[in-house]
């Protein structure tokens, strides 16, 4: 039964990734693109966690934690670059 739930959740997260990709490509504002990239990071973290549940290994959970840290730092750096024109002060 868990396999069906994980498969359904993977499909939902995959659909969410496609919607975010559509928002990145066809958006007019840079803020919408930043938010779509941040939401893509969250979707990928969810997908990695679900794959870890499906396969029963801890490697995917560690990968999702690393991806969360890198995604957070990259979102902050990209926002700072857009607002101030530079990352390092």
PDB file of N, CA and C in Angstrom:
ATOM      1  N   UNK A   1       0.817  -1.195   0.000  1.00  0.00           N
ATOM      2  CA  UNK A   1       0.000   0.000   0.000  1.00  0.00           C
ATOM      3  C   UNK A   1       0.863   1.262   0.000  1.00  0.00           C
ATOM      4  N   UNK A   2       2.019   1.200   0.680  1.00  0.00           N
ATOM      5  CA  UNK A   2       2.894   2.369   0.723  1.00  0.00           C
ATOM      6  C   UNK A   2       3.478   2.668  -0.656  1.00  0.00           C
ATOM      7  N   UNK A   3       3.629   1.638  -1.468  1.00  0.00           N
ATOM      8  CA  UNK A   3       4.183   1.842  -2.802  1.00  0.00           C
ATOM      9  C   UNK A   3       3.231   2.700  -3.650  1.00  0.00           C
ATOM     10  N   UNK A   4       1.935   2.460  -3.512  1.00  0.00           N
ATOM     11  CA  UNK A   4       0.968   3.265  -4.259  1.00  0.00           C
ATOM     12  C   UNK A   4       0.962   4.717  -3.799  1.00  0.00           C
ATOM     13  N   UNK A   5       1.063   4.913  -2.499  1.00  0.00           N
ATOM     14  CA  UNK A   5       1.064   6.278  -1.965  1.00  0.00           C
ATOM     15  C   UNK A   5       2.318   7.030  -2.397  1.00  0.00           C
ATOM     16  N   UNK A   6       3.465   6.365  -2.351  1.00  0.00           N
ATOM     17  CA  UNK A   6       4.713   7.008  -2.754  1.00  0.00           C
ATOM     18  C   UNK A   6       4.708   7.291  -4.254  1.00  0.00           C
ATOM     19  N   UNK A   7       4.177   6.379  -5.041  1.00  0.00           N
ATOM     20  CA  UNK A   7       4.093   6.595  -6.488  1.00  0.00           C
ATOM     21  C   UNK A   7       3.183   7.773  -6.812  1.00  0.00           C
ATOM     22  N   UNK A   8       2.047   7.864  -6.126  1.00  0.00           N
ATOM     23  CA  UNK A   8       1.141   9.002  -6.335  1.00  0.00           C
ATOM     24  C   UNK A   8       1.815  10.309  -5.931  1.00  0.00           C
ATOM     25  N   UNK A   9       2.518  10.302  -4.805  1.00  0.00           N
ATOM     26  CA  UNK A   9       3.205  11.509  -4.344  1.00  0.00           C
ATOM     27  C   UNK A   9       4.322  11.909  -5.299  1.00  0.00           C
ATOM     28  N   UNK A  10       5.044  10.931  -5.841  1.00  0.00           N
ATOM     29  CA  UNK A  10       6.080  11.240  -6.826  1.00  0.00           C
ATOM     30  C   UNK A  10       5.478  11.871  -8.078  1.00  0.00           C
ATOM     31  N   UNK A  11       4.328  11.393  -8.494  1.00  0.00           N
ATOM     32  CA  UNK A  11       3.647  11.999  -9.632  1.00  0.00           C
ATOM     33  C   UNK A  11       3.230  13.434  -9.357  1.00  0.00           C
ATOM     34  N   UNK A  12       2.732  13.668  -8.157  1.00  0.00           N
ATOM     35  CA  UNK A  12       2.329  15.030  -7.787  1.00  0.00           C
ATOM     36  C   UNK A  12       3.525  15.982  -7.735  1.00  0.00           C
ATOM     37  N   UNK A  13       4.631  15.510  -7.154  1.00  0.00           N
ATOM     38  CA  UNK A  13       5.828  16.352  -7.114  1.00  0.00           C
ATOM     39  C   UNK A  13       6.393  16.574  -8.513  1.00  0.00           C
ATOM     40  N   UNK A  14       6.313  15.564  -9.366  1.00  0.00           N
ATOM     41  CA  UNK A  14       6.757  15.733 -10.745  1.00  0.00           C
ATOM     42  C   UNK A  14       5.915  16.750 -11.498  1.00  0.00           C
ATOM     43  N   UNK A  15       4.609  16.716 -11.273  1.00  0.00           N
ATOM     44  CA  UNK A  15       3.724  17.709 -11.871  1.00  0.00           C
ATOM     45  C   UNK A  15       4.047  19.109 -11.351  1.00  0.00           C
ATOM     46  N   UNK A  16       4.351  19.199 -10.063  1.00  0.00           N
ATOM     47  CA  UNK A  16       4.753  20.481  -9.485  1.00  0.00           C
ATOM     48  C   UNK A  16       6.040  21.007 -10.100  1.00  0.00           C
ATOM     49  N   UNK A  17       6.983  20.107 -10.379  1.00  0.00           N
ATOM     50  CA  UNK A  17       8.215  20.527 -11.040  1.00  0.00           C
ATOM     51  C   UNK A  17       7.942  21.061 -12.442  1.00  0.00           C
ATOM     52  N   UNK A  18       7.060  20.410 -13.166  1.00  0.00           N
ATOM     53  CA  UNK A  18       6.722  20.889 -14.506  1.00  0.00           C
ATOM     54  C   UNK A  18       6.038  22.253 -14.461  1.00  0.00           C
ATOM     55  N   UNK A  19       5.183  22.467 -13.485  1.00  0.00           N
ATOM     56  CA  UNK A  19       4.529  23.772 -13.348  1.00  0.00           C
ATOM     57  C   UNK A  19       5.535  24.867 -12.994  1.00  0.00           C
ATOM     58  N   UNK A  20       6.504  24.528 -12.136  1.00  0.00           N
ATOM     59  CA  UNK A  20       7.540  25.508 -11.803  1.00  0.00           C
ATOM     60  C   UNK A  20       8.424  25.814 -13.004  1.00  0.00           C
ATOM     61  N   UNK A  21       8.718  24.810 -13.788  1.00  0.00           N
ATOM     62  CA  UNK A  21       9.509  25.033 -14.991  1.00  0.00           C
ATOM     63  C   UNK A  21       8.757  25.934 -15.967  1.00  0.00           C
ATOM     64  N   UNK A  22       7.457  25.730 -16.082  1.00  0.00           N
ATOM     65  CA  UNK A  22       6.648  26.600 -16.923  1.00  0.00           C
ATOM     66  C   UNK A  22       6.697  28.040 -16.414  1.00  0.00           C
ATOM     67  N   UNK A  23       6.656  28.222 -15.084  1.00  0.00           N
ATOM     68  CA  UNK A  23       6.687  29.562 -14.501  1.00  0.00           C
ATOM     69  C   UNK A  23       8.045  30.227 -14.731  1.00  0.00           C
ATOM     70  N   UNK A  24       9.112  29.445 -14.705  1.00  0.00           N
ATOM     71  CA  UNK A  24      10.439  30.012 -14.949  1.00  0.00           C
ATOM     72  C   UNK A  24      10.577  30.469 -16.400  1.00  0.00           C
ATOM     73  N   UNK A  25      10.068  29.689 -17.311  1.00  0.00           N
ATOM     74  CA  UNK A  25      10.237  30.007 -18.727  1.00  0.00           C
ATOM     75  C   UNK A  25       9.346  31.171 -19.155  1.00  0.00           C
ATOM     76  N   UNK A  26       8.091  31.207 -18.715  1.00  0.00           N
ATOM     77  CA  UNK A  26       7.133  32.174 -19.227  1.00  0.00           C
ATOM     78  C   UNK A  26       6.804  33.321 -18.278  1.00  0.00           C
ATOM     79  N   UNK A  27       7.605  33.542 -17.276  1.00  0.00           N
ATOM     80  CA  UNK A  27       7.323  34.625 -16.335  1.00  0.00           C
ATOM     81  C   UNK A  27       7.923  35.934 -16.835  1.00  0.00           C
ATOM     82  N   UNK A  28       7.258  37.032 -16.502  1.00  0.00           N
ATOM     83  CA  UNK A  28       7.751  38.348 -16.891  1.00  0.00           C
ATOM     84  C   UNK A  28       8.619  38.985 -15.817  1.00  0.00           C
ATOM     85  N   UNK A  29       8.401  38.627 -14.563  1.00  0.00           N
ATOM     86  CA  UNK A  29       9.100  39.268 -13.456  1.00  0.00           C
ATOM     87  C   UNK A  29      10.177  38.349 -12.896  1.00  0.00           C
ATOM     88  N   UNK A  30      11.268  38.949 -12.469  1.00  0.00           N
ATOM     89  CA  UNK A  30      12.381  38.179 -11.933  1.00  0.00           C
ATOM     90  C   UNK A  30      12.031  37.586 -10.566  1.00  0.00           C
ATOM     91  N   UNK A  31      11.161  38.255  -9.821  1.00  0.00           N
ATOM     92  CA  UNK A  31      10.762  37.734  -8.505  1.00  0.00           C
ATOM     93  C   UNK A  31       9.983  36.428  -8.645  1.00  0.00           C
ATOM     94  N   UNK A  32       9.150  36.338  -9.680  1.00  0.00           N
ATOM     95  CA  UNK A  32       8.423  35.089  -9.927  1.00  0.00           C
ATOM     96  C   UNK A  32       9.378  33.952 -10.264  1.00  0.00           C
ATOM     97  N   UNK A  33      10.427  34.260 -10.990  1.00  0.00           N
ATOM     98  CA  UNK A  33      11.400  33.233 -11.339  1.00  0.00           C
ATOM     99  C   UNK A  33      12.179  32.763 -10.121  1.00  0.00           C
ATOM    100  N   UNK A  34      12.516  33.686  -9.234  1.00  0.00           N
ATOM    101  CA  UNK A  34      13.231  33.307  -8.006  1.00  0.00           C
ATOM    102  C   UNK A  34      12.348  32.419  -7.141  1.00  0.00           C
ATOM    103  N   UNK A  35      11.089  32.787  -7.000  1.00  0.00           N
ATOM    104  CA  UNK A  35      10.171  31.964  -6.206  1.00  0.00           C
ATOM    105  C   UNK A  35       9.952  30.592  -6.836  1.00  0.00           C
ATOM    106  N   UNK A  36       9.893  30.532  -8.156  1.00  0.00           N
ATOM    107  CA  UNK A  36       9.739  29.244  -8.821  1.00  0.00           C
ATOM    108  C   UNK A  36      10.974  28.369  -8.614  1.00  0.00           C
ATOM    109  N   UNK A  37      12.155  28.956  -8.654  1.00  0.00           N
ATOM    110  CA  UNK A  37      13.373  28.186  -8.391  1.00  0.00           C
ATOM    111  C   UNK A  37      13.404  27.671  -6.963  1.00  0.00           C
ATOM    112  N   UNK A  38      12.987  28.495  -6.019  1.00  0.00           N
ATOM    113  CA  UNK A  38      12.951  28.060  -4.627  1.00  0.00           C
ATOM    114  C   UNK A  38      11.933  26.940  -4.427  1.00  0.00           C
ATOM    115  N   UNK A  39      10.804  27.034  -5.092  1.00  0.00           N
ATOM    116  CA  UNK A  39       9.801  25.979  -5.004  1.00  0.00           C
ATOM    117  C   UNK A  39      10.277  24.697  -5.683  1.00  0.00           C
ATOM    118  N   UNK A  40      11.067  24.837  -6.737  1.00  0.00           N
ATOM    119  CA  UNK A  40      11.649  23.649  -7.368  1.00  0.00           C
ATOM    120  C   UNK A  40      12.601  22.931  -6.415  1.00  0.00           C
ATOM    121  N   UNK A  41      13.349  23.702  -5.639  1.00  0.00           N
ATOM    122  CA  UNK A  41      14.233  23.087  -4.643  1.00  0.00           C
ATOM    123  C   UNK A  41      13.414  22.291  -3.634  1.00  0.00           C
ATOM    124  N   UNK A  42      12.314  22.843  -3.198  1.00  0.00           N
ATOM    125  CA  UNK A  42      11.463  22.146  -2.231  1.00  0.00           C
ATOM    126  C   UNK A  42      10.875  20.886  -2.851  1.00  0.00           C
ATOM    127  N   UNK A  43      10.464  20.946  -4.111  1.00  0.00           N
ATOM    128  CA  UNK A  43       9.932  19.760  -4.791  1.00  0.00           C
ATOM    129  C   UNK A  43      10.994  18.682  -4.954  1.00  0.00           C
ATOM    130  N   UNK A  44      12.205  19.065  -5.280  1.00  0.00           N
ATOM    131  CA  UNK A  44      13.277  18.081  -5.428  1.00  0.00           C
ATOM    132  C   UNK A  44      13.611  17.440  -4.086  1.00  0.00           C
ATOM    133  N   UNK A  45      13.566  18.209  -3.016  1.00  0.00           N
ATOM    134  CA  UNK A  45      13.787  17.648  -1.681  1.00  0.00           C
ATOM    135  C   UNK A  45      12.710  16.613  -1.370  1.00  0.00           C
ATOM    136  N   UNK A  46      11.461  16.929  -1.711  1.00  0.00           N
ATOM    137  CA  UNK A  46      10.375  15.971  -1.508  1.00  0.00           C
ATOM    138  C   UNK A  46      10.552  14.715  -2.342  1.00  0.00           C
ATOM    139  N   UNK A  47      10.985  14.872  -3.577  1.00  0.00           N
ATOM    140  CA  UNK A  47      11.199  13.714  -4.441  1.00  0.00           C
ATOM    141  C   UNK A  47      12.325  12.841  -3.898  1.00  0.00           C
ATOM    142  N   UNK A  48      13.412  13.453  -3.474  1.00  0.00           N
ATOM    143  CA  UNK A  48      14.519  12.672  -2.910  1.00  0.00           C
ATOM    144  C   UNK A  48      14.094  11.921  -1.654  1.00  0.00           C
ATOM    145  N   UNK A  49      13.291  12.557  -0.824  1.00  0.00           N
ATOM    146  CA  UNK A  49      12.804  11.898   0.387  1.00  0.00           C
ATOM    147  C   UNK A  49      11.892  10.724   0.042  1.00  0.00           C
ATOM    148  N   UNK A  50      11.022  10.908  -0.926  1.00  0.00           N
ATOM    149  CA  UNK A  50      10.132   9.818  -1.341  1.00  0.00           C
ATOM    150  C   UNK A  50      10.899   8.656  -1.969  1.00  0.00           C
ATOM    151  N   UNK A  51      11.938   8.961  -2.725  1.00  0.00           N
ATOM    152  CA  UNK A  51      12.757   7.897  -3.292  1.00  0.00           C
ATOM    153  C   UNK A  51      13.476   7.144  -2.174  1.00  0.00           C
ATOM    154  N   UNK A  52      13.914   7.869  -1.148  1.00  0.00           N
ATOM    155  CA  UNK A  52      14.524   7.213  -0.002  1.00  0.00           C
ATOM    156  C   UNK A  52      13.556   6.291   0.720  1.00  0.00           C
ATOM    157  N   UNK A  53      12.305   6.704   0.834  1.00  0.00           N
ATOM    158  CA  UNK A  53      11.288   5.840   1.448  1.00  0.00           C
ATOM    159  C   UNK A  53      11.029   4.628   0.563  1.00  0.00           C
ATOM    160  N   UNK A  54      10.968   4.844  -0.740  1.00  0.00           N
ATOM    161  CA  UNK A  54      10.676   3.761  -1.671  1.00  0.00           C
ATOM    162  C   UNK A  54      11.780   2.697  -1.676  1.00  0.00           C
ATOM    163  N   UNK A  55      13.035   3.133  -1.693  1.00  0.00           N
ATOM    164  CA  UNK A  55      14.143   2.192  -1.744  1.00  0.00           C
ATOM    165  C   UNK A  55      14.610   1.739  -0.365  1.00  0.00           C
ATOM    166  N   UNK A  56      14.230   2.454   0.674  1.00  0.00           N
ATOM    167  CA  UNK A  56      14.590   2.069   2.028  1.00  0.00           C
ATOM    168  C   UNK A  56      16.050   2.320   2.382  1.00  0.00           C
ATOM    169  N   UNK A  57      16.660   3.352   1.791  1.00  0.00           N
ATOM    170  CA  UNK A  57      18.041   3.682   2.104  1.00  0.00           C
ATOM    171  C   UNK A  57      18.118   5.073   2.709  1.00  0.00           C
ATOM    172  N   UNK A  58      19.156   5.307   3.483  1.00  0.00           N
ATOM    173  CA  UNK A  58      19.353   6.618   4.110  1.00  0.00           C
ATOM    174  C   UNK A  58      20.122   7.579   3.226  1.00  0.00           C
ATOM    175  N   UNK A  59      20.704   7.080   2.162  1.00  0.00           N
ATOM    176  CA  UNK A  59      21.521   7.923   1.298  1.00  0.00           C
ATOM    177  C   UNK A  59      20.699   9.069   0.704  1.00  0.00           C
ATOM    178  N   UNK A  60      19.474   8.806   0.333  1.00  0.00           N
ATOM    179  CA  UNK A  60      18.636   9.837  -0.275  1.00  0.00           C
ATOM    180  C   UNK A  60      18.211  10.900   0.743  1.00  0.00           C
ATOM    181  N   UNK A  61      18.078  10.522   2.000  1.00  0.00           N
ATOM    182  CA  UNK A  61      17.747  11.506   3.021  1.00  0.00           C
ATOM    183  C   UNK A  61      18.911  12.460   3.235  1.00  0.00           C
ATOM    184  N   UNK A  62      20.126  11.926   3.221  1.00  0.00           N
ATOM    185  CA  UNK A  62      21.305  12.784   3.344  1.00  0.00           C
ATOM    186  C   UNK A  62      21.448  13.691   2.133  1.00  0.00           C
ATOM    187  N   UNK A  63      21.157  13.150   0.961  1.00  0.00           N
ATOM    188  CA  UNK A  63      21.213  13.963  -0.251  1.00  0.00           C
ATOM    189  C   UNK A  63      20.170  15.074  -0.217  1.00  0.00           C
ATOM    190  N   UNK A  64      19.008  14.785   0.327  1.00  0.00           N
ATOM    191  CA  UNK A  64      17.979  15.827   0.414  1.00  0.00           C
ATOM    192  C   UNK A  64      18.374  16.921   1.399  1.00  0.00           C
ATOM    193  N   UNK A  65      19.059  16.565   2.471  1.00  0.00           N
ATOM    194  CA  UNK A  65      19.529  17.581   3.419  1.00  0.00           C
ATOM    195  C   UNK A  65      20.607  18.458   2.780  1.00  0.00           C
ATOM    196  N   UNK A  66      21.522  17.849   2.038  1.00  0.00           N
ATOM    197  CA  UNK A  66      22.538  18.634   1.338  1.00  0.00           C
ATOM    198  C   UNK A  66      21.912  19.544   0.286  1.00  0.00           C
ATOM    199  N   UNK A  67      20.933  19.022  -0.420  1.00  0.00           N
ATOM    200  CA  UNK A  67      20.252  19.824  -1.432  1.00  0.00           C
ATOM    201  C   UNK A  67      19.490  20.978  -0.787  1.00  0.00           C
ATOM    202  N   UNK A  68      18.941  20.760   0.399  1.00  0.00           N
ATOM    203  CA  UNK A  68      18.235  21.837   1.108  1.00  0.00           C
ATOM    204  C   UNK A  68      19.193  22.954   1.503  1.00  0.00           C
ATOM    205  N   UNK A  69      20.365  22.588   1.989  1.00  0.00           N
ATOM    206  CA  UNK A  69      21.337  23.611   2.382  1.00  0.00           C
ATOM    207  C   UNK A  69      21.826  24.403   1.171  1.00  0.00           C
ATOM    208  N   UNK A  70      22.158  23.719   0.094  1.00  0.00           N
ATOM    209  CA  UNK A  70      22.639  24.399  -1.104  1.00  0.00           C
ATOM    210  C   UNK A  70      21.531  25.242  -1.725  1.00  0.00           C
ATOM    211  N   UNK A  71      20.315  24.732  -1.737  1.00  0.00           N
ATOM    212  CA  UNK A  71      19.201  25.489  -2.293  1.00  0.00           C
ATOM    213  C   UNK A  71      18.895  26.750  -1.515  1.00  0.00           C
ATOM    214  N   UNK A  72      18.977  26.672  -0.194  1.00  0.00           N
ATOM    215  CA  UNK A  72      18.727  27.857   0.629  1.00  0.00           C
ATOM    216  C   UNK A  72      19.785  28.914   0.384  1.00  0.00           C
ATOM    217  N   UNK A  73      21.042  28.520   0.383  1.00  0.00           N
ATOM    218  CA  UNK A  73      22.130  29.481   0.180  1.00  0.00           C
ATOM    219  C   UNK A  73      22.068  30.075  -1.220  1.00  0.00           C
ATOM    220  N   UNK A  74      21.750  29.277  -2.212  1.00  0.00           N
ATOM    221  CA  UNK A  74      21.681  29.811  -3.572  1.00  0.00           C
ATOM    222  C   UNK A  74      20.502  30.773  -3.739  1.00  0.00           C
ATOM    223  N   UNK A  75      19.397  30.503  -3.090  1.00  0.00           N
ATOM    224  CA  UNK A  75      18.256  31.424  -3.170  1.00  0.00           C
ATOM    225  C   UNK A  75      18.594  32.762  -2.524  1.00  0.00           C
ATOM    226  N   UNK A  76      19.238  32.720  -1.368  1.00  0.00           N
ATOM    227  CA  UNK A  76      19.633  33.961  -0.697  1.00  0.00           C
ATOM    228  C   UNK A  76      20.647  34.727  -1.540  1.00  0.00           C
ATOM    229  N   UNK A  77      21.611  34.024  -2.108  1.00  0.00           N
ATOM    230  CA  UNK A  77      22.622  34.689  -2.934  1.00  0.00           C
ATOM    231  C   UNK A  77      21.997  35.308  -4.184  1.00  0.00           C
ATOM    232  N   UNK A  78      21.072  34.609  -4.801  1.00  0.00           N
ATOM    233  CA  UNK A  78      20.436  35.134  -6.007  1.00  0.00           C
ATOM    234  C   UNK A  78      19.584  36.362  -5.680  1.00  0.00           C
ATOM    235  N   UNK A  79      18.867  36.327  -4.573  1.00  0.00           N
ATOM    236  CA  UNK A  79      18.066  37.493  -4.168  1.00  0.00           C
ATOM    237  C   UNK A  79      18.954  38.689  -3.849  1.00  0.00           C
ATOM    238  N   UNK A  80      20.057  38.435  -3.161  1.00  0.00           N
ATOM    239  CA  UNK A  80      20.970  39.529  -2.832  1.00  0.00           C
ATOM    240  C   UNK A  80      21.586  40.111  -4.102  1.00  0.00           C
ATOM    241  N   UNK A  81      21.892  39.254  -5.065  1.00  0.00           N
ATOM    242  CA  UNK A  81      22.449  39.741  -6.327  1.00  0.00           C
ATOM    243  C   UNK A  81      21.443  40.608  -7.065  1.00  0.00           C
ATOM    244  N   UNK A  82      20.196  40.212  -7.074  1.00  0.00           N
ATOM    245  CA  UNK A  82      19.173  40.997  -7.770  1.00  0.00           C
ATOM    246  C   UNK A  82      18.930  42.327  -7.058  1.00  0.00           C
ATOM    247  N   UNK A  83      18.886  42.314  -5.734  1.00  0.00           N
ATOM    248  CA  UNK A  83      18.581  43.531  -4.994  1.00  0.00           C
ATOM    249  C   UNK A  83      19.743  44.515  -4.937  1.00  0.00           C
ATOM    250  N   UNK A  84      20.963  44.005  -4.725  1.00  0.00           N
ATOM    251  CA  UNK A  84      22.098  44.900  -4.492  1.00  0.00           C
ATOM    252  C   UNK A  84      23.108  44.935  -5.628  1.00  0.00           C
ATOM    253  N   UNK A  85      23.048  44.000  -6.540  1.00  0.00           N
ATOM    254  CA  UNK A  85      23.992  43.991  -7.633  1.00  0.00           C
ATOM    255  C   UNK A  85      25.280  43.243  -7.329  1.00  0.00           C
ATOM    256  N   UNK A  86      25.432  42.727  -6.132  1.00  0.00           N
ATOM    257  CA  UNK A  86      26.616  41.966  -5.779  1.00  0.00           C
ATOM    258  C   UNK A  86      26.291  41.016  -4.637  1.00  0.00           C
ATOM    259  N   UNK A  87      27.075  39.967  -4.530  1.00  0.00           N
ATOM    260  CA  UNK A  87      26.828  38.978  -3.476  1.00  0.00           C
ATOM    261  C   UNK A  87      27.686  39.261  -2.269  1.00  0.00           C
ATOM    262  N   UNK A  88      28.954  39.532  -2.479  1.00  0.00           N
ATOM    263  CA  UNK A  88      29.890  39.765  -1.381  1.00  0.00           C
ATOM    264  C   UNK A  88      30.032  41.255  -1.163  1.00  0.00           C
ATOM    265  N   UNK A  89      29.934  41.661   0.092  1.00  0.00           N
ATOM    266  CA  UNK A  89      30.045  43.099   0.401  1.00  0.00           C
ATOM    267  C   UNK A  89      31.433  43.438   0.856  1.00  0.00           C
TER     268      UNK A  89
END
